[in-house]
Amino acid sequence: MQSAQAEPTRSAEDRASHAIPRPVDDPRVYLAAERTFLAWVRTSVALMGFGFLIARFAFWMREYAELQGMTPRASSQPAISPWLGFGMVVVGVLVCVTAATRHNAYISALRRGIANPPLKIGWSLSVAAILALVGLAMSVQILLYST
């Protein structure tokens, strides 16, 4: 029994055109890549703002202690907030540069016809680990200033 729609035979020209990968034609893929890129840019801006906040944290804690009539105990201890804040601003800049680089590589791969280029998640996990360590350091500083 033969099907009503027989598969047409492909010419040599058709077979050759399938050998060369074509760029991904679906605009939704490019738009999704752009949304992801912009999300990472927003994350980098937030990290830089968070870095500024951390850098000013020790100053704000001293001011708060003076307003409450307390003498801050941390005057004899070095403030780690400026260094952590600087580090967070640097991490924010690195996230922005890395996001731009990855976005460019991803779009280039899509244009070469690679439908789903592999991406490594190591740098995303690194950003999460850095944020966890900074959060831990800030919580230690809060304990030192508040007692």
N, C-alpha and C. Protein backbone atom coordinates (compact mmCIF):
# COMPACT_ATOMS: atom_id res chain seq x y z
N MET A 1 0.84 -1.16 0.00
CA MET A 1 0.00 0.00 0.00
C MET A 1 0.89 1.24 0.00
N GLN A 2 0.66 2.12 -0.92
CA GLN A 2 1.48 3.30 -1.09
C GLN A 2 0.74 4.51 -0.50
N SER A 3 1.50 5.41 0.16
CA SER A 3 0.87 6.59 0.73
C SER A 3 0.48 7.55 -0.37
N ALA A 4 -0.52 8.38 -0.08
CA ALA A 4 -1.02 9.31 -1.07
C ALA A 4 0.02 10.38 -1.40
N GLN A 5 0.84 10.72 -0.41
CA GLN A 5 1.87 11.73 -0.64
C GLN A 5 3.23 11.05 -0.63
N ALA A 6 3.73 10.84 -1.77
CA ALA A 6 5.06 10.24 -1.87
C ALA A 6 6.10 11.31 -1.61
N GLU A 7 7.18 10.93 -0.95
CA GLU A 7 8.24 11.89 -0.64
C GLU A 7 8.98 12.22 -1.92
N PRO A 8 9.09 13.50 -2.23
CA PRO A 8 9.77 13.87 -3.47
C PRO A 8 11.25 13.56 -3.37
N THR A 9 11.83 13.17 -4.46
CA THR A 9 13.27 12.93 -4.46
C THR A 9 13.98 14.26 -4.49
N ARG A 10 15.04 14.34 -3.71
CA ARG A 10 15.79 15.59 -3.64
C ARG A 10 16.89 15.61 -4.67
N SER A 11 17.10 16.73 -5.24
CA SER A 11 18.17 16.87 -6.24
C SER A 11 19.50 17.01 -5.51
N ALA A 12 20.56 16.93 -6.27
CA ALA A 12 21.90 17.10 -5.70
C ALA A 12 22.05 18.49 -5.10
N GLU A 13 21.42 19.48 -5.72
CA GLU A 13 21.49 20.85 -5.20
C GLU A 13 20.81 20.95 -3.83
N ASP A 14 19.66 20.27 -3.67
CA ASP A 14 18.98 20.27 -2.38
C ASP A 14 19.83 19.58 -1.32
N ARG A 15 20.43 18.45 -1.68
CA ARG A 15 21.27 17.73 -0.71
C ARG A 15 22.48 18.57 -0.31
N ALA A 16 23.06 19.30 -1.23
CA ALA A 16 24.22 20.14 -0.92
C ALA A 16 23.82 21.29 -0.01
N SER A 17 22.61 21.82 -0.22
CA SER A 17 22.20 22.94 0.63
C SER A 17 21.95 22.49 2.06
N HIS A 18 21.64 21.20 2.27
CA HIS A 18 21.44 20.70 3.62
C HIS A 18 22.76 20.41 4.32
N ALA A 19 23.83 20.27 3.56
CA ALA A 19 25.12 19.99 4.17
C ALA A 19 25.69 21.22 4.85
N ILE A 20 25.40 22.40 4.33
CA ILE A 20 25.90 23.65 4.92
C ILE A 20 24.84 24.16 5.89
N PRO A 21 25.19 24.29 7.17
CA PRO A 21 24.19 24.79 8.12
C PRO A 21 23.81 26.22 7.81
N ARG A 22 22.53 26.48 7.88
CA ARG A 22 22.00 27.82 7.65
C ARG A 22 21.80 28.51 8.99
N PRO A 23 21.81 29.83 9.00
CA PRO A 23 21.53 30.54 10.25
C PRO A 23 20.14 30.18 10.77
N VAL A 24 20.01 30.24 12.08
CA VAL A 24 18.71 29.98 12.69
C VAL A 24 17.77 31.09 12.26
N ASP A 25 16.63 30.71 11.69
CA ASP A 25 15.71 31.69 11.12
C ASP A 25 14.66 32.20 12.09
N ASP A 26 14.46 31.51 13.18
CA ASP A 26 13.39 31.87 14.10
C ASP A 26 13.79 33.11 14.91
N PRO A 27 13.09 34.23 14.75
CA PRO A 27 13.48 35.44 15.49
C PRO A 27 13.29 35.30 16.99
N ARG A 28 12.45 34.37 17.42
CA ARG A 28 12.24 34.19 18.87
C ARG A 28 13.51 33.74 19.56
N VAL A 29 14.34 32.98 18.86
CA VAL A 29 15.60 32.52 19.44
C VAL A 29 16.52 33.71 19.70
N TYR A 30 16.60 34.62 18.74
CA TYR A 30 17.43 35.81 18.90
C TYR A 30 16.87 36.73 20.00
N LEU A 31 15.55 36.86 20.04
CA LEU A 31 14.94 37.70 21.07
C LEU A 31 15.14 37.11 22.46
N ALA A 32 15.06 35.79 22.57
CA ALA A 32 15.32 35.14 23.86
C ALA A 32 16.77 35.35 24.28
N ALA A 33 17.69 35.26 23.34
CA ALA A 33 19.10 35.50 23.65
C ALA A 33 19.31 36.93 24.11
N GLU A 34 18.62 37.86 23.47
CA GLU A 34 18.75 39.27 23.87
C GLU A 34 18.16 39.51 25.26
N ARG A 35 17.03 38.86 25.56
CA ARG A 35 16.44 39.01 26.91
C ARG A 35 17.39 38.46 27.97
N THR A 36 18.03 37.34 27.67
CA THR A 36 18.98 36.76 28.61
C THR A 36 20.17 37.69 28.81
N PHE A 37 20.66 38.24 27.71
CA PHE A 37 21.78 39.18 27.80
C PHE A 37 21.40 40.40 28.65
N LEU A 38 20.22 40.96 28.41
CA LEU A 38 19.79 42.13 29.18
C LEU A 38 19.57 41.79 30.65
N ALA A 39 19.15 40.57 30.94
CA ALA A 39 19.01 40.15 32.34
C ALA A 39 20.38 40.12 33.02
N TRP A 40 21.40 39.66 32.32
CA TRP A 40 22.75 39.66 32.89
C TRP A 40 23.28 41.08 33.04
N VAL A 41 22.93 41.96 32.12
CA VAL A 41 23.35 43.37 32.27
C VAL A 41 22.69 43.98 33.50
N ARG A 42 21.40 43.70 33.69
CA ARG A 42 20.72 44.20 34.90
C ARG A 42 21.37 43.63 36.15
N THR A 43 21.74 42.37 36.10
CA THR A 43 22.41 41.75 37.25
C THR A 43 23.74 42.45 37.53
N SER A 44 24.49 42.76 36.48
CA SER A 44 25.78 43.42 36.69
C SER A 44 25.60 44.82 37.28
N VAL A 45 24.58 45.55 36.82
CA VAL A 45 24.31 46.87 37.39
C VAL A 45 23.92 46.74 38.86
N ALA A 46 23.11 45.74 39.18
CA ALA A 46 22.72 45.52 40.57
C ALA A 46 23.94 45.16 41.42
N LEU A 47 24.85 44.35 40.89
CA LEU A 47 26.06 44.01 41.64
C LEU A 47 26.92 45.25 41.89
N MET A 48 27.02 46.12 40.89
CA MET A 48 27.80 47.34 41.09
C MET A 48 27.14 48.25 42.13
N GLY A 49 25.82 48.36 42.08
CA GLY A 49 25.11 49.14 43.10
C GLY A 49 25.25 48.53 44.48
N PHE A 50 25.18 47.21 44.54
CA PHE A 50 25.37 46.50 45.80
C PHE A 50 26.78 46.74 46.33
N GLY A 51 27.76 46.78 45.43
CA GLY A 51 29.13 47.07 45.84
C GLY A 51 29.27 48.44 46.45
N PHE A 52 28.60 49.43 45.86
CA PHE A 52 28.63 50.77 46.43
C PHE A 52 27.99 50.77 47.81
N LEU A 53 26.87 50.08 47.95
CA LEU A 53 26.20 49.99 49.24
C LEU A 53 27.09 49.35 50.28
N ILE A 54 27.76 48.29 49.91
CA ILE A 54 28.66 47.60 50.84
C ILE A 54 29.82 48.52 51.24
N ALA A 55 30.36 49.26 50.27
CA ALA A 55 31.49 50.15 50.56
C ALA A 55 31.11 51.21 51.57
N ARG A 56 29.88 51.64 51.55
CA ARG A 56 29.40 52.68 52.48
C ARG A 56 28.82 52.09 53.77
N PHE A 57 28.78 50.81 53.88
CA PHE A 57 28.13 50.16 55.01
C PHE A 57 28.79 50.51 56.35
N ALA A 58 30.11 50.45 56.42
CA ALA A 58 30.81 50.75 57.68
C ALA A 58 30.55 52.19 58.11
N PHE A 59 30.54 53.10 57.16
CA PHE A 59 30.27 54.50 57.46
C PHE A 59 28.87 54.65 58.05
N TRP A 60 27.89 54.01 57.42
CA TRP A 60 26.52 54.10 57.91
C TRP A 60 26.36 53.46 59.29
N MET A 61 27.09 52.39 59.52
CA MET A 61 27.01 51.73 60.84
C MET A 61 27.60 52.65 61.92
N ARG A 62 28.70 53.34 61.63
CA ARG A 62 29.27 54.28 62.60
C ARG A 62 28.31 55.43 62.88
N GLU A 63 27.70 55.97 61.84
CA GLU A 63 26.73 57.06 62.00
C GLU A 63 25.54 56.60 62.84
N TYR A 64 25.06 55.40 62.58
CA TYR A 64 23.92 54.87 63.32
C TYR A 64 24.29 54.70 64.79
N ALA A 65 25.49 54.20 65.05
CA ALA A 65 25.93 54.01 66.43
C ALA A 65 26.01 55.35 67.16
N GLU A 66 26.50 56.37 66.49
CA GLU A 66 26.59 57.69 67.11
C GLU A 66 25.20 58.26 67.39
N LEU A 67 24.26 58.05 66.47
CA LEU A 67 22.90 58.52 66.69
C LEU A 67 22.23 57.81 67.86
N GLN A 68 22.58 56.58 68.09
CA GLN A 68 22.01 55.81 69.20
C GLN A 68 22.75 56.07 70.51
N GLY A 69 23.82 56.86 70.45
CA GLY A 69 24.57 57.17 71.67
C GLY A 69 25.57 56.09 72.03
N MET A 70 25.83 55.19 71.11
CA MET A 70 26.80 54.12 71.37
C MET A 70 28.14 54.51 70.76
N THR A 71 29.17 53.94 71.33
CA THR A 71 30.48 54.11 70.70
C THR A 71 30.75 52.82 69.91
N PRO A 72 31.02 52.93 68.64
CA PRO A 72 31.24 51.73 67.83
C PRO A 72 32.49 50.99 68.28
N ARG A 73 32.33 49.71 68.48
CA ARG A 73 33.43 48.87 68.93
C ARG A 73 34.43 48.61 67.81
N ALA A 74 34.01 48.75 66.60
CA ALA A 74 34.84 48.36 65.47
C ALA A 74 35.90 49.38 65.10
N SER A 75 36.04 50.45 65.88
CA SER A 75 37.03 51.46 65.52
C SER A 75 38.44 50.89 65.57
N SER A 76 38.68 49.89 66.42
CA SER A 76 40.01 49.29 66.49
C SER A 76 40.20 48.21 65.42
N GLN A 77 39.10 47.80 64.79
CA GLN A 77 39.18 46.76 63.77
C GLN A 77 39.14 47.40 62.39
N PRO A 78 39.88 46.82 61.46
CA PRO A 78 39.84 47.39 60.11
C PRO A 78 38.48 47.13 59.46
N ALA A 79 37.98 48.12 58.77
CA ALA A 79 36.70 47.97 58.08
C ALA A 79 36.92 47.21 56.79
N ILE A 80 36.15 46.15 56.62
CA ILE A 80 36.29 45.37 55.39
C ILE A 80 35.29 45.81 54.33
N SER A 81 34.36 46.66 54.72
CA SER A 81 33.33 47.09 53.78
C SER A 81 33.87 47.75 52.51
N PRO A 82 34.82 48.68 52.61
CA PRO A 82 35.31 49.29 51.37
C PRO A 82 35.93 48.28 50.41
N TRP A 83 36.65 47.32 50.96
CA TRP A 83 37.28 46.31 50.10
C TRP A 83 36.25 45.35 49.51
N LEU A 84 35.28 44.96 50.31
CA LEU A 84 34.21 44.10 49.78
C LEU A 84 33.39 44.85 48.73
N GLY A 85 33.13 46.11 49.00
CA GLY A 85 32.38 46.92 48.03
C GLY A 85 33.13 47.06 46.72
N PHE A 86 34.41 47.34 46.82
CA PHE A 86 35.23 47.43 45.61
C PHE A 86 35.21 46.11 44.86
N GLY A 87 35.33 45.01 45.60
CA GLY A 87 35.30 43.69 44.98
C GLY A 87 33.98 43.42 44.27
N MET A 88 32.87 43.85 44.87
CA MET A 88 31.57 43.64 44.25
C MET A 88 31.40 44.48 42.99
N VAL A 89 31.92 45.70 43.01
CA VAL A 89 31.86 46.52 41.80
C VAL A 89 32.67 45.85 40.68
N VAL A 90 33.84 45.33 41.03
CA VAL A 90 34.67 44.62 40.04
C VAL A 90 33.94 43.38 39.52
N VAL A 91 33.29 42.63 40.41
CA VAL A 91 32.51 41.47 39.97
C VAL A 91 31.39 41.91 39.03
N GLY A 92 30.72 43.01 39.34
CA GLY A 92 29.68 43.53 38.46
C GLY A 92 30.20 43.87 37.08
N VAL A 93 31.37 44.49 37.03
CA VAL A 93 31.97 44.82 35.74
C VAL A 93 32.33 43.54 34.98
N LEU A 94 32.91 42.57 35.68
CA LEU A 94 33.26 41.30 35.04
C LEU A 94 32.02 40.56 34.51
N VAL A 95 30.94 40.61 35.27
CA VAL A 95 29.69 39.98 34.82
C VAL A 95 29.20 40.65 33.55
N CYS A 96 29.28 41.96 33.49
CA CYS A 96 28.83 42.69 32.30
C CYS A 96 29.69 42.33 31.08
N VAL A 97 30.99 42.32 31.26
CA VAL A 97 31.89 41.99 30.15
C VAL A 97 31.70 40.54 29.70
N THR A 98 31.57 39.64 30.66
CA THR A 98 31.36 38.23 30.33
C THR A 98 30.02 38.03 29.63
N ALA A 99 28.99 38.71 30.08
CA ALA A 99 27.68 38.59 29.44
C ALA A 99 27.74 39.06 27.98
N ALA A 100 28.44 40.16 27.74
CA ALA A 100 28.57 40.67 26.37
C ALA A 100 29.35 39.68 25.51
N THR A 101 30.41 39.12 26.05
CA THR A 101 31.21 38.14 25.31
C THR A 101 30.40 36.90 24.99
N ARG A 102 29.70 36.38 26.00
CA ARG A 102 28.88 35.17 25.78
C ARG A 102 27.75 35.44 24.80
N HIS A 103 27.12 36.60 24.89
CA HIS A 103 26.04 36.93 23.97
C HIS A 103 26.56 36.98 22.53
N ASN A 104 27.70 37.61 22.35
CA ASN A 104 28.30 37.69 21.03
C ASN A 104 28.62 36.29 20.49
N ALA A 105 29.19 35.43 21.31
CA ALA A 105 29.51 34.07 20.87
C ALA A 105 28.24 33.29 20.55
N TYR A 106 27.20 33.48 21.34
CA TYR A 106 25.94 32.77 21.13
C TYR A 106 25.29 33.19 19.81
N ILE A 107 25.24 34.49 19.56
CA ILE A 107 24.65 34.99 18.32
C ILE A 107 25.48 34.54 17.12
N SER A 108 26.79 34.55 17.25
CA SER A 108 27.65 34.08 16.16
C SER A 108 27.39 32.61 15.86
N ALA A 109 27.22 31.80 16.90
CA ALA A 109 26.93 30.39 16.70
C ALA A 109 25.57 30.20 16.03
N LEU A 110 24.59 30.99 16.42
CA LEU A 110 23.28 30.90 15.77
C LEU A 110 23.37 31.26 14.29
N ARG A 111 24.17 32.25 13.99
CA ARG A 111 24.32 32.66 12.58
C ARG A 111 25.08 31.61 11.77
N ARG A 112 25.93 30.82 12.45
CA ARG A 112 26.63 29.74 11.75
C ARG A 112 25.74 28.50 11.59
N GLY A 113 24.55 28.52 12.17
CA GLY A 113 23.62 27.41 12.00
C GLY A 113 23.59 26.44 13.16
N ILE A 114 24.25 26.74 14.24
CA ILE A 114 24.21 25.88 15.42
C ILE A 114 22.96 26.28 16.20
N ALA A 115 21.97 25.39 16.19
CA ALA A 115 20.66 25.74 16.74
C ALA A 115 20.67 25.95 18.24
N ASN A 116 21.43 25.17 18.97
CA ASN A 116 21.45 25.30 20.43
C ASN A 116 22.90 25.19 20.90
N PRO A 117 23.67 26.26 20.77
CA PRO A 117 25.08 26.19 21.16
C PRO A 117 25.22 25.93 22.66
N PRO A 118 26.18 25.10 23.02
CA PRO A 118 26.36 24.81 24.45
C PRO A 118 26.95 26.01 25.18
N LEU A 119 26.47 26.24 26.37
CA LEU A 119 27.00 27.30 27.22
C LEU A 119 27.42 26.70 28.55
N LYS A 120 28.52 27.18 29.05
CA LYS A 120 29.01 26.69 30.34
C LYS A 120 28.35 27.50 31.45
N ILE A 121 28.03 26.85 32.54
CA ILE A 121 27.37 27.55 33.65
C ILE A 121 28.35 27.85 34.78
N GLY A 122 29.61 27.57 34.58
CA GLY A 122 30.60 27.77 35.64
C GLY A 122 30.67 29.20 36.13
N TRP A 123 30.60 30.16 35.22
CA TRP A 123 30.72 31.55 35.67
C TRP A 123 29.47 31.98 36.41
N SER A 124 28.32 31.43 36.08
CA SER A 124 27.09 31.75 36.82
C SER A 124 27.20 31.24 38.26
N LEU A 125 27.72 30.04 38.39
CA LEU A 125 27.91 29.48 39.74
C LEU A 125 28.98 30.26 40.50
N SER A 126 29.98 30.75 39.80
CA SER A 126 31.02 31.55 40.46
C SER A 126 30.44 32.84 41.01
N VAL A 127 29.58 33.49 40.24
CA VAL A 127 28.94 34.72 40.72
C VAL A 127 28.11 34.42 41.96
N ALA A 128 27.37 33.31 41.95
CA ALA A 128 26.56 32.94 43.11
C ALA A 128 27.45 32.67 44.32
N ALA A 129 28.58 32.01 44.12
CA ALA A 129 29.49 31.71 45.24
C ALA A 129 30.09 33.00 45.80
N ILE A 130 30.46 33.93 44.92
CA ILE A 130 31.02 35.21 45.38
C ILE A 130 29.98 35.97 46.20
N LEU A 131 28.74 35.99 45.71
CA LEU A 131 27.69 36.68 46.45
C LEU A 131 27.46 36.04 47.82
N ALA A 132 27.52 34.73 47.89
CA ALA A 132 27.34 34.05 49.18
C ALA A 132 28.48 34.41 50.13
N LEU A 133 29.70 34.45 49.63
CA LEU A 133 30.84 34.81 50.49
C LEU A 133 30.76 36.26 50.96
N VAL A 134 30.38 37.15 50.08
CA VAL A 134 30.25 38.56 50.46
C VAL A 134 29.14 38.72 51.49
N GLY A 135 28.03 38.02 51.29
CA GLY A 135 26.94 38.06 52.27
C GLY A 135 27.39 37.56 53.63
N LEU A 136 28.18 36.51 53.64
CA LEU A 136 28.70 35.98 54.90
C LEU A 136 29.64 36.99 55.56
N ALA A 137 30.51 37.60 54.78
CA ALA A 137 31.43 38.60 55.34
C ALA A 137 30.66 39.80 55.88
N MET A 138 29.62 40.22 55.19
CA MET A 138 28.83 41.35 55.67
C MET A 138 28.08 41.00 56.95
N SER A 139 27.60 39.77 57.06
CA SER A 139 26.91 39.38 58.29
C SER A 139 27.87 39.36 59.47
N VAL A 140 29.11 38.96 59.23
CA VAL A 140 30.13 39.01 60.30
C VAL A 140 30.40 40.45 60.69
N GLN A 141 30.47 41.34 59.72
CA GLN A 141 30.71 42.75 60.04
C GLN A 141 29.53 43.34 60.81
N ILE A 142 28.31 42.96 60.47
CA ILE A 142 27.15 43.42 61.21
C ILE A 142 27.25 42.99 62.67
N LEU A 143 27.64 41.74 62.89
CA LEU A 143 27.80 41.26 64.26
C LEU A 143 28.87 42.02 65.01
N LEU A 144 29.96 42.34 64.34
CA LEU A 144 31.05 43.07 64.99
C LEU A 144 30.65 44.49 65.35
N TYR A 145 29.86 45.15 64.49
CA TYR A 145 29.47 46.52 64.75
C TYR A 145 28.32 46.63 65.74
N SER A 146 27.49 45.62 65.80
CA SER A 146 26.30 45.75 66.64
C SER A 146 26.53 45.30 68.08
N THR A 147 27.65 44.68 68.37
CA THR A 147 27.86 44.25 69.75
C THR A 147 28.77 45.20 70.49
